[in-house]
Amino acid sequence: MTSAAVLKKSDPVAFFDSFLLAESFPDGRSLDQFREIRIYPGTNWKRQRTVIVERGDVVVSVTGRLILQRNNDSETMLFKVEASDKKGQAAVESVKTTLDFLTKKDVFFNRTELQTEEEAFRYQLRFTITIFSAEGFMMDAVLIGLNAVLLQIRIPKVEYKWLQTLERDEQQIDVTRVTVKDNEVRKLNLKETPVFSSFALYIPRGKTEPLLIVDPPTDLIPLCSSTIEMVHISNNKILLSKIQGKLTINPELFGNVAQRSQKHYEEVNESLKKYSSMLKLD
């Protein structure tokens, strides 16, 4: 075990102070720098798409499937979130709660986008999100992966052979009469690509003024006095914000955090554009 590893285990405050007072993280990032975004395409089979997202040590897989169903009032998107480390179950539940909230608010796209040409049917998107490694806030990587999958979704045309002898509302649906035309598709028109940002306030030993830290790693979070989470959308709008901890966040500090969150929103959307261009989705 190296001397740094020994110090981190025996005195984590001293370990992090040695880096943070020099305005850097142990991984070499500056305190105002988010971890690098890497998006990789996964499987692409009929109405299913998968992406892998790496955000530093956070690794997430997002798989989305289009499911054809009878037209109803069910949610446009359903999520199954899994984590290889069961100790992070509370964080997993938080991810699912946030995704359900965004879905209910129709943040990503209008509900009518999943309506088919046949009024009796509509699509539903079902996602499986697997968190392989979560050394930090995982919501950022999850939303990036979800946005990347939604960019790839193409909605096939649906046809149904109605009986001519009965009114449509008198007929029972026969699945053998349904035709899904995977070669005739349309793009899913997105309203927003929401982006998550995380921050923390850390007070070094012997100091009184907190340091504002961007995208803190998991093992630093328990040592921080407060954490701030935000979800940004277009036009510099904050859709969600969550503040936890013992330090009061004054308007000036909140404005500083919001500005950094907006910058992160722009960086993520630029990465998504590059990903879309790489796959020639436009």
C-alpha atoms as a PDB file:
ATOM      1  CA  MET A   1       0.000   0.000   0.000  1.00  0.00           C
ATOM      2  CA  THR A   2       1.423   3.402  -1.001  1.00  0.00           C
ATOM      3  CA  SER A   3       1.904   6.231   1.483  1.00  0.00           C
ATOM      4  CA  ALA A   4      -0.987   8.145  -0.151  1.00  0.00           C
ATOM      5  CA  ALA A   5      -3.279   5.133   0.219  1.00  0.00           C
ATOM      6  CA  VAL A   6      -2.252   4.752   3.862  1.00  0.00           C
ATOM      7  CA  LEU A   7      -2.953   8.444   4.529  1.00  0.00           C
ATOM      8  CA  LYS A   8      -6.322   8.244   2.771  1.00  0.00           C
ATOM      9  CA  LYS A   9      -7.324   5.318   4.966  1.00  0.00           C
ATOM     10  CA  SER A  10      -5.924   6.618   8.264  1.00  0.00           C
ATOM     11  CA  ASP A  11      -6.700  10.325   7.869  1.00  0.00           C
ATOM     12  CA  PRO A  12      -8.953  11.018   4.859  1.00  0.00           C
ATOM     13  CA  VAL A  13      -9.307  14.708   5.769  1.00  0.00           C
ATOM     14  CA  ALA A  14      -5.539  15.226   5.643  1.00  0.00           C
ATOM     15  CA  PHE A  15      -5.401  13.255   2.397  1.00  0.00           C
ATOM     16  CA  PHE A  16      -8.002  15.399   0.648  1.00  0.00           C
ATOM     17  CA  ASP A  17      -6.695  18.633   2.189  1.00  0.00           C
ATOM     18  CA  SER A  18      -3.321  17.987   0.576  1.00  0.00           C
ATOM     19  CA  PHE A  19      -4.997  18.077  -2.837  1.00  0.00           C
ATOM     20  CA  LEU A  20      -7.925  20.450  -2.392  1.00  0.00           C
ATOM     21  CA  LEU A  21      -5.858  23.240  -0.843  1.00  0.00           C
ATOM     22  CA  ALA A  22      -3.756  23.042  -4.004  1.00  0.00           C
ATOM     23  CA  GLU A  23      -7.039  23.417  -5.950  1.00  0.00           C
ATOM     24  CA  SER A  24      -7.037  19.968  -7.490  1.00  0.00           C
ATOM     25  CA  PHE A  25      -8.571  16.524  -7.008  1.00  0.00           C
ATOM     26  CA  PRO A  26      -6.513  13.353  -6.513  1.00  0.00           C
ATOM     27  CA  ASP A  27      -7.405  12.420 -10.107  1.00  0.00           C
ATOM     28  CA  GLY A  28      -5.774  15.614 -11.397  1.00  0.00           C
ATOM     29  CA  ARG A  29      -8.925  17.621 -12.088  1.00  0.00           C
ATOM     30  CA  SER A  30      -9.204  21.210 -10.964  1.00  0.00           C
ATOM     31  CA  LEU A  31     -11.928  21.914  -8.410  1.00  0.00           C
ATOM     32  CA  ASP A  32     -14.157  23.548 -11.039  1.00  0.00           C
ATOM     33  CA  GLN A  33     -13.800  20.761 -13.599  1.00  0.00           C
ATOM     34  CA  PHE A  34     -16.350  18.035 -14.262  1.00  0.00           C
ATOM     35  CA  ARG A  35     -15.125  14.564 -15.074  1.00  0.00           C
ATOM     36  CA  GLU A  36     -14.667  13.641 -18.715  1.00  0.00           C
ATOM     37  CA  ILE A  37     -17.708  12.361 -20.620  1.00  0.00           C
ATOM     38  CA  ARG A  38     -17.384   9.276 -22.792  1.00  0.00           C
ATOM     39  CA  ILE A  39     -20.363   7.828 -24.663  1.00  0.00           C
ATOM     40  CA  TYR A  40     -20.138   4.496 -26.469  1.00  0.00           C
ATOM     41  CA  PRO A  41     -22.841   2.898 -28.638  1.00  0.00           C
ATOM     42  CA  GLY A  42     -23.995  -0.543 -27.571  1.00  0.00           C
ATOM     43  CA  THR A  43     -26.436  -2.940 -29.193  1.00  0.00           C
ATOM     44  CA  ASN A  44     -28.690  -1.659 -31.950  1.00  0.00           C
ATOM     45  CA  TRP A  45     -31.379  -4.209 -32.733  1.00  0.00           C
ATOM     46  CA  LYS A  46     -34.774  -3.361 -34.227  1.00  0.00           C
ATOM     47  CA  ARG A  47     -36.569  -1.271 -31.576  1.00  0.00           C
ATOM     48  CA  GLN A  48     -33.840  -1.552 -28.923  1.00  0.00           C
ATOM     49  CA  ARG A  49     -30.875   0.752 -28.321  1.00  0.00           C
ATOM     50  CA  THR A  50     -28.057   0.648 -25.748  1.00  0.00           C
ATOM     51  CA  VAL A  51     -25.319   3.078 -24.767  1.00  0.00           C
ATOM     52  CA  ILE A  52     -22.461   2.926 -22.269  1.00  0.00           C
ATOM     53  CA  VAL A  53     -21.477   6.114 -20.463  1.00  0.00           C
ATOM     54  CA  GLU A  54     -18.279   6.722 -18.518  1.00  0.00           C
ATOM     55  CA  ARG A  55     -17.983   9.759 -16.251  1.00  0.00           C
ATOM     56  CA  GLY A  56     -14.677   9.346 -14.494  1.00  0.00           C
ATOM     57  CA  ASP A  57     -15.128   6.210 -12.398  1.00  0.00           C
ATOM     58  CA  VAL A  58     -18.903   6.143 -12.936  1.00  0.00           C
ATOM     59  CA  VAL A  59     -19.870   3.542 -15.553  1.00  0.00           C
ATOM     60  CA  VAL A  60     -23.498   3.160 -16.617  1.00  0.00           C
ATOM     61  CA  SER A  61     -25.344   1.160 -19.265  1.00  0.00           C
ATOM     62  CA  VAL A  62     -28.713   2.406 -20.546  1.00  0.00           C
ATOM     63  CA  THR A  63     -30.899   0.198 -22.745  1.00  0.00           C
ATOM     64  CA  GLY A  64     -34.190   1.441 -24.178  1.00  0.00           C
ATOM     65  CA  ARG A  65     -36.894  -0.599 -25.918  1.00  0.00           C
ATOM     66  CA  LEU A  66     -40.000   0.527 -27.758  1.00  0.00           C
ATOM     67  CA  ILE A  67     -43.027  -1.541 -26.749  1.00  0.00           C
ATOM     68  CA  LEU A  68     -46.238  -1.370 -28.766  1.00  0.00           C
ATOM     69  CA  GLN A  69     -49.400  -1.456 -26.670  1.00  0.00           C
ATOM     70  CA  ARG A  70     -53.050  -0.469 -26.684  1.00  0.00           C
ATOM     71  CA  ASN A  71     -53.578   3.254 -26.322  1.00  0.00           C
ATOM     72  CA  ASN A  72     -53.919   4.042 -22.611  1.00  0.00           C
ATOM     73  CA  ASP A  73     -52.935   6.511 -19.895  1.00  0.00           C
ATOM     74  CA  SER A  74     -49.810   4.689 -18.712  1.00  0.00           C
ATOM     75  CA  GLU A  75     -46.468   6.484 -18.428  1.00  0.00           C
ATOM     76  CA  THR A  76     -44.520   7.195 -21.600  1.00  0.00           C
ATOM     77  CA  MET A  77     -41.347   5.773 -20.038  1.00  0.00           C
ATOM     78  CA  LEU A  78     -40.715   3.106 -17.400  1.00  0.00           C
ATOM     79  CA  PHE A  79     -37.376   2.500 -15.686  1.00  0.00           C
ATOM     80  CA  LYS A  80     -35.665  -0.461 -14.101  1.00  0.00           C
ATOM     81  CA  VAL A  81     -32.504   0.633 -12.301  1.00  0.00           C
ATOM     82  CA  GLU A  82     -29.947  -1.925 -11.157  1.00  0.00           C
ATOM     83  CA  ALA A  83     -26.606  -1.574  -9.382  1.00  0.00           C
ATOM     84  CA  SER A  84     -23.879  -4.169  -9.004  1.00  0.00           C
ATOM     85  CA  ASP A  85     -23.063  -2.701  -5.578  1.00  0.00           C
ATOM     86  CA  LYS A  86     -26.114  -3.180  -3.364  1.00  0.00           C
ATOM     87  CA  LYS A  87     -24.697  -0.675  -0.858  1.00  0.00           C
ATOM     88  CA  GLY A  88     -25.696   2.065  -3.277  1.00  0.00           C
ATOM     89  CA  GLN A  89     -29.375   1.115  -3.195  1.00  0.00           C
ATOM     90  CA  ALA A  90     -30.429   4.452  -1.692  1.00  0.00           C
ATOM     91  CA  ALA A  91     -28.750   6.280  -4.569  1.00  0.00           C
ATOM     92  CA  VAL A  92     -30.457   3.938  -7.035  1.00  0.00           C
ATOM     93  CA  GLU A  93     -33.863   4.791  -5.564  1.00  0.00           C
ATOM     94  CA  SER A  94     -33.017   8.489  -5.843  1.00  0.00           C
ATOM     95  CA  VAL A  95     -32.163   8.035  -9.531  1.00  0.00           C
ATOM     96  CA  LYS A  96     -35.460   6.280 -10.207  1.00  0.00           C
ATOM     97  CA  THR A  97     -37.444   8.929  -8.318  1.00  0.00           C
ATOM     98  CA  THR A  98     -35.836  11.699 -10.369  1.00  0.00           C
ATOM     99  CA  LEU A  99     -36.445   9.880 -13.661  1.00  0.00           C
ATOM    100  CA  ASP A 100     -40.085   9.228 -12.762  1.00  0.00           C
ATOM    101  CA  PHE A 101     -40.517  12.925 -11.936  1.00  0.00           C
ATOM    102  CA  LEU A 102     -39.034  14.032 -15.268  1.00  0.00           C
ATOM    103  CA  THR A 103     -41.250  11.540 -17.111  1.00  0.00           C
ATOM    104  CA  LYS A 104     -44.449  12.681 -15.396  1.00  0.00           C
ATOM    105  CA  LYS A 105     -43.596  16.265 -16.342  1.00  0.00           C
ATOM    106  CA  ASP A 106     -43.085  15.242 -20.013  1.00  0.00           C
ATOM    107  CA  VAL A 107     -39.699  16.956 -19.893  1.00  0.00           C
ATOM    108  CA  PHE A 108     -38.016  14.916 -22.639  1.00  0.00           C
ATOM    109  CA  PHE A 109     -40.774  14.892 -25.272  1.00  0.00           C
ATOM    110  CA  ASN A 110     -44.496  15.401 -25.719  1.00  0.00           C
ATOM    111  CA  ARG A 111     -46.669  12.409 -24.942  1.00  0.00           C
ATOM    112  CA  THR A 112     -48.129  12.512 -28.445  1.00  0.00           C
ATOM    113  CA  GLU A 113     -44.718  11.535 -29.858  1.00  0.00           C
ATOM    114  CA  LEU A 114     -45.406   7.890 -28.990  1.00  0.00           C
ATOM    115  CA  GLN A 115     -48.859   7.860 -30.540  1.00  0.00           C
ATOM    116  CA  THR A 116     -49.063   5.724 -33.685  1.00  0.00           C
ATOM    117  CA  GLU A 117     -50.896   6.340 -36.928  1.00  0.00           C
ATOM    118  CA  GLU A 118     -53.516   3.894 -35.691  1.00  0.00           C
ATOM    119  CA  GLU A 119     -55.371   5.579 -32.833  1.00  0.00           C
ATOM    120  CA  ALA A 120     -55.852   2.265 -31.023  1.00  0.00           C
ATOM    121  CA  PHE A 121     -52.112   1.931 -30.361  1.00  0.00           C
ATOM    122  CA  ARG A 122     -49.241   3.799 -28.814  1.00  0.00           C
ATOM    123  CA  TYR A 123     -45.661   3.006 -27.918  1.00  0.00           C
ATOM    124  CA  GLN A 124     -44.074   2.946 -24.501  1.00  0.00           C
ATOM    125  CA  LEU A 125     -40.341   3.253 -23.833  1.00  0.00           C
ATOM    126  CA  ARG A 126     -38.926   0.853 -21.260  1.00  0.00           C
ATOM    127  CA  PHE A 127     -35.423   1.337 -19.947  1.00  0.00           C
ATOM    128  CA  THR A 128     -33.000  -0.882 -18.094  1.00  0.00           C
ATOM    129  CA  ILE A 129     -30.271   1.137 -16.411  1.00  0.00           C
ATOM    130  CA  THR A 130     -27.325  -0.801 -15.013  1.00  0.00           C
ATOM    131  CA  ILE A 131     -24.807   0.968 -12.801  1.00  0.00           C
ATOM    132  CA  PHE A 132     -21.531  -0.936 -12.924  1.00  0.00           C
ATOM    133  CA  SER A 133     -19.443   1.548 -10.951  1.00  0.00           C
ATOM    134  CA  ALA A 134     -20.506   4.656  -9.067  1.00  0.00           C
ATOM    135  CA  GLU A 135     -17.585   6.571  -7.587  1.00  0.00           C
ATOM    136  CA  GLY A 136     -19.547   9.815  -7.467  1.00  0.00           C
ATOM    137  CA  PHE A 137     -23.032  11.099  -8.213  1.00  0.00           C
ATOM    138  CA  MET A 138     -24.478   8.616 -10.714  1.00  0.00           C
ATOM    139  CA  MET A 139     -27.426  10.733 -11.890  1.00  0.00           C
ATOM    140  CA  ASP A 140     -25.216  12.706 -14.266  1.00  0.00           C
ATOM    141  CA  ALA A 141     -24.094   9.613 -16.195  1.00  0.00           C
ATOM    142  CA  VAL A 142     -27.618   8.145 -16.154  1.00  0.00           C
ATOM    143  CA  LEU A 143     -29.161  11.248 -17.724  1.00  0.00           C
ATOM    144  CA  ILE A 144     -26.403  11.491 -20.319  1.00  0.00           C
ATOM    145  CA  GLY A 145     -27.000   7.853 -21.267  1.00  0.00           C
ATOM    146  CA  LEU A 146     -30.763   8.308 -21.364  1.00  0.00           C
ATOM    147  CA  ASN A 147     -30.456  11.370 -23.594  1.00  0.00           C
ATOM    148  CA  ALA A 148     -28.073   9.482 -25.897  1.00  0.00           C
ATOM    149  CA  VAL A 149     -30.522   6.582 -26.230  1.00  0.00           C
ATOM    150  CA  LEU A 150     -33.458   8.908 -26.923  1.00  0.00           C
ATOM    151  CA  LEU A 151     -31.478  10.525 -29.739  1.00  0.00           C
ATOM    152  CA  GLN A 152     -31.315   7.110 -31.403  1.00  0.00           C
ATOM    153  CA  ILE A 153     -34.965   6.146 -31.022  1.00  0.00           C
ATOM    154  CA  ARG A 154     -36.842   5.756 -34.288  1.00  0.00           C
ATOM    155  CA  ILE A 155     -40.575   5.083 -34.183  1.00  0.00           C
ATOM    156  CA  PRO A 156     -41.899   2.531 -36.698  1.00  0.00           C
ATOM    157  CA  LYS A 157     -45.163   2.977 -38.514  1.00  0.00           C
ATOM    158  CA  VAL A 158     -48.038   0.778 -37.330  1.00  0.00           C
ATOM    159  CA  GLU A 159     -50.875  -0.562 -39.454  1.00  0.00           C
ATOM    160  CA  TYR A 160     -53.904  -2.568 -38.403  1.00  0.00           C
ATOM    161  CA  LYS A 161     -56.335  -4.487 -40.600  1.00  0.00           C
ATOM    162  CA  TRP A 162     -59.713  -3.486 -39.249  1.00  0.00           C
ATOM    163  CA  LEU A 163     -62.763  -5.616 -39.955  1.00  0.00           C
ATOM    164  CA  GLN A 164     -65.136  -3.936 -42.340  1.00  0.00           C
ATOM    165  CA  THR A 165     -68.203  -5.572 -40.816  1.00  0.00           C
ATOM    166  CA  LEU A 166     -68.002  -3.833 -37.415  1.00  0.00           C
ATOM    167  CA  GLU A 167     -67.372  -0.353 -36.093  1.00  0.00           C
ATOM    168  CA  ARG A 168     -63.824   0.029 -34.810  1.00  0.00           C
ATOM    169  CA  ASP A 169     -64.878   0.609 -31.207  1.00  0.00           C
ATOM    170  CA  GLU A 170     -66.811  -2.663 -31.319  1.00  0.00           C
ATOM    171  CA  GLN A 171     -63.832  -4.763 -32.376  1.00  0.00           C
ATOM    172  CA  GLN A 172     -61.460  -6.725 -30.179  1.00  0.00           C
ATOM    173  CA  ILE A 173     -57.830  -6.256 -31.138  1.00  0.00           C
ATOM    174  CA  ASP A 174     -56.295  -9.240 -32.884  1.00  0.00           C
ATOM    175  CA  VAL A 175     -52.493  -9.115 -32.683  1.00  0.00           C
ATOM    176  CA  THR A 176     -52.206 -11.100 -35.904  1.00  0.00           C
ATOM    177  CA  ARG A 177     -53.692  -8.102 -37.739  1.00  0.00           C
ATOM    178  CA  VAL A 178     -50.998  -5.704 -36.479  1.00  0.00           C
ATOM    179  CA  THR A 179     -48.093  -4.800 -38.759  1.00  0.00           C
ATOM    180  CA  VAL A 180     -45.080  -2.893 -37.435  1.00  0.00           C
ATOM    181  CA  LYS A 181     -43.072  -1.456 -40.316  1.00  0.00           C
ATOM    182  CA  ASP A 182     -39.496  -1.242 -39.074  1.00  0.00           C
ATOM    183  CA  ASN A 183     -38.391   0.113 -42.451  1.00  0.00           C
ATOM    184  CA  GLU A 184     -40.754   3.114 -42.173  1.00  0.00           C
ATOM    185  CA  VAL A 185     -39.735   5.123 -39.146  1.00  0.00           C
ATOM    186  CA  ARG A 186     -39.786   8.656 -37.823  1.00  0.00           C
ATOM    187  CA  LYS A 187     -37.487  10.432 -35.422  1.00  0.00           C
ATOM    188  CA  LEU A 188     -38.452  10.984 -31.793  1.00  0.00           C
ATOM    189  CA  ASN A 189     -38.665  14.764 -31.465  1.00  0.00           C
ATOM    190  CA  LEU A 190     -37.101  15.789 -28.166  1.00  0.00           C
ATOM    191  CA  LYS A 191     -38.106  18.920 -26.275  1.00  0.00           C
ATOM    192  CA  GLU A 192     -35.255  18.866 -23.788  1.00  0.00           C
ATOM    193  CA  THR A 193     -32.052  17.053 -22.895  1.00  0.00           C
ATOM    194  CA  PRO A 194     -31.898  17.650 -19.122  1.00  0.00           C
ATOM    195  CA  VAL A 195     -28.467  17.589 -17.505  1.00  0.00           C
ATOM    196  CA  PHE A 196     -27.575  16.853 -13.881  1.00  0.00           C
ATOM    197  CA  SER A 197     -24.795  18.655 -12.011  1.00  0.00           C
ATOM    198  CA  SER A 198     -23.432  18.075  -8.512  1.00  0.00           C
ATOM    199  CA  PHE A 199     -21.435  20.305  -6.191  1.00  0.00           C
ATOM    200  CA  ALA A 200     -20.175  20.261  -2.617  1.00  0.00           C
ATOM    201  CA  LEU A 201     -18.894  22.659   0.010  1.00  0.00           C
ATOM    202  CA  TYR A 202     -15.793  21.420   1.793  1.00  0.00           C
ATOM    203  CA  ILE A 203     -14.049  23.095   4.733  1.00  0.00           C
ATOM    204  CA  PRO A 204     -10.370  22.094   5.058  1.00  0.00           C
ATOM    205  CA  ARG A 205      -9.020  21.368   8.523  1.00  0.00           C
ATOM    206  CA  GLY A 206      -8.165  24.573  10.359  1.00  0.00           C
ATOM    207  CA  LYS A 207     -10.033  26.762   7.857  1.00  0.00           C
ATOM    208  CA  THR A 208     -13.376  28.539   8.112  1.00  0.00           C
ATOM    209  CA  GLU A 209     -14.171  29.351   4.495  1.00  0.00           C
ATOM    210  CA  PRO A 210     -15.599  26.482   2.429  1.00  0.00           C
ATOM    211  CA  LEU A 211     -14.264  25.453  -0.953  1.00  0.00           C
ATOM    212  CA  LEU A 212     -16.818  25.037  -3.754  1.00  0.00           C
ATOM    213  CA  ILE A 213     -16.161  21.669  -5.348  1.00  0.00           C
ATOM    214  CA  VAL A 214     -17.541  20.477  -8.681  1.00  0.00           C
ATOM    215  CA  ASP A 215     -18.519  16.834  -9.263  1.00  0.00           C
ATOM    216  CA  PRO A 216     -17.138  15.460  -5.961  1.00  0.00           C
ATOM    217  CA  PRO A 217     -16.004  11.808  -5.790  1.00  0.00           C
ATOM    218  CA  THR A 218     -17.895   9.382  -3.554  1.00  0.00           C
ATOM    219  CA  ASP A 219     -15.309   9.142  -0.788  1.00  0.00           C
ATOM    220  CA  LEU A 220     -15.134  12.932  -0.450  1.00  0.00           C
ATOM    221  CA  ILE A 221     -18.892  13.506  -0.110  1.00  0.00           C
ATOM    222  CA  PRO A 222     -19.178  12.347   3.560  1.00  0.00           C
ATOM    223  CA  LEU A 223     -16.470  14.860   4.494  1.00  0.00           C
ATOM    224  CA  CYS A 224     -18.306  17.794   2.904  1.00  0.00           C
ATOM    225  CA  SER A 225     -20.457  20.229   4.844  1.00  0.00           C
ATOM    226  CA  SER A 226     -23.132  20.557   2.153  1.00  0.00           C
ATOM    227  CA  THR A 227     -24.029  19.191  -1.266  1.00  0.00           C
ATOM    228  CA  ILE A 228     -25.948  20.863  -4.088  1.00  0.00           C
ATOM    229  CA  GLU A 229     -27.618  19.050  -6.982  1.00  0.00           C
ATOM    230  CA  MET A 230     -29.224  20.644 -10.036  1.00  0.00           C
ATOM    231  CA  VAL A 231     -30.994  19.584 -13.208  1.00  0.00           C
ATOM    232  CA  HIS A 232     -30.652  22.144 -15.986  1.00  0.00           C
ATOM    233  CA  ILE A 233     -32.651  22.410 -19.203  1.00  0.00           C
ATOM    234  CA  SER A 234     -32.511  24.848 -22.115  1.00  0.00           C
ATOM    235  CA  ASN A 235     -32.746  28.640 -21.851  1.00  0.00           C
ATOM    236  CA  ASN A 236     -30.733  28.585 -18.617  1.00  0.00           C
ATOM    237  CA  LYS A 237     -33.626  27.093 -16.643  1.00  0.00           C
ATOM    238  CA  ILE A 238     -33.137  25.086 -13.461  1.00  0.00           C
ATOM    239  CA  LEU A 239     -35.732  22.339 -13.384  1.00  0.00           C
ATOM    240  CA  LEU A 240     -34.677  20.813 -10.061  1.00  0.00           C
ATOM    241  CA  SER A 241     -32.368  21.813  -7.236  1.00  0.00           C
ATOM    242  CA  LYS A 242     -31.586  19.987  -4.012  1.00  0.00           C
ATOM    243  CA  ILE A 243     -29.457  21.292  -1.146  1.00  0.00           C
ATOM    244  CA  GLN A 244     -28.393  19.146   1.795  1.00  0.00           C
ATOM    245  CA  GLY A 245     -26.066  19.855   4.703  1.00  0.00           C
ATOM    246  CA  LYS A 246     -25.373  22.262   7.515  1.00  0.00           C
ATOM    247  CA  LEU A 247     -24.030  25.258   5.589  1.00  0.00           C
ATOM    248  CA  THR A 248     -26.363  28.010   4.402  1.00  0.00           C
ATOM    249  CA  ILE A 249     -26.244  28.661   0.662  1.00  0.00           C
ATOM    250  CA  ASN A 250     -26.478  32.413   0.104  1.00  0.00           C
ATOM    251  CA  PRO A 251     -27.855  33.878  -3.171  1.00  0.00           C
ATOM    252  CA  GLU A 252     -24.391  34.757  -4.469  1.00  0.00           C
ATOM    253  CA  LEU A 253     -23.123  31.213  -3.971  1.00  0.00           C
ATOM    254  CA  PHE A 254     -26.293  29.720  -5.443  1.00  0.00           C
ATOM    255  CA  GLY A 255     -25.871  31.953  -8.484  1.00  0.00           C
ATOM    256  CA  ASN A 256     -22.271  30.791  -8.861  1.00  0.00           C
ATOM    257  CA  VAL A 257     -23.367  27.155  -8.705  1.00  0.00           C
ATOM    258  CA  ALA A 258     -26.188  27.773 -11.196  1.00  0.00           C
ATOM    259  CA  GLN A 259     -23.733  29.366 -13.616  1.00  0.00           C
ATOM    260  CA  ARG A 260     -21.418  26.354 -13.422  1.00  0.00           C
ATOM    261  CA  SER A 261     -24.385  24.027 -13.836  1.00  0.00           C
ATOM    262  CA  GLN A 262     -25.410  25.889 -16.991  1.00  0.00           C
ATOM    263  CA  LYS A 263     -21.879  25.542 -18.348  1.00  0.00           C
ATOM    264  CA  HIS A 264     -22.001  21.809 -17.661  1.00  0.00           C
ATOM    265  CA  TYR A 265     -25.353  21.643 -19.480  1.00  0.00           C
ATOM    266  CA  GLU A 266     -23.703  23.186 -22.531  1.00  0.00           C
ATOM    267  CA  GLU A 267     -20.723  20.815 -22.344  1.00  0.00           C
ATOM    268  CA  VAL A 268     -22.945  17.729 -22.102  1.00  0.00           C
ATOM    269  CA  ASN A 269     -25.115  18.835 -25.010  1.00  0.00           C
ATOM    270  CA  GLU A 270     -21.999  19.410 -27.082  1.00  0.00           C
ATOM    271  CA  SER A 271     -20.906  15.843 -26.278  1.00  0.00           C
ATOM    272  CA  LEU A 272     -24.349  14.559 -27.281  1.00  0.00           C
ATOM    273  CA  LYS A 273     -24.109  16.437 -30.584  1.00  0.00           C
ATOM    274  CA  LYS A 274     -20.738  14.828 -31.274  1.00  0.00           C
ATOM    275  CA  TYR A 275     -22.186  11.418 -30.429  1.00  0.00           C
ATOM    276  CA  SER A 276     -25.133  12.029 -32.745  1.00  0.00           C
ATOM    277  CA  SER A 277     -22.781  13.145 -35.504  1.00  0.00           C
ATOM    278  CA  MET A 278     -20.586  10.069 -35.025  1.00  0.00           C
ATOM    279  CA  LEU A 279     -23.612   7.807 -35.496  1.00  0.00           C
ATOM    280  CA  LYS A 280     -24.932   9.996 -38.339  1.00  0.00           C
ATOM    281  CA  LEU A 281     -28.299  10.359 -36.629  1.00  0.00           C
ATOM    282  CA  ASP A 282     -29.229  13.698 -38.207  1.00  0.00           C
END
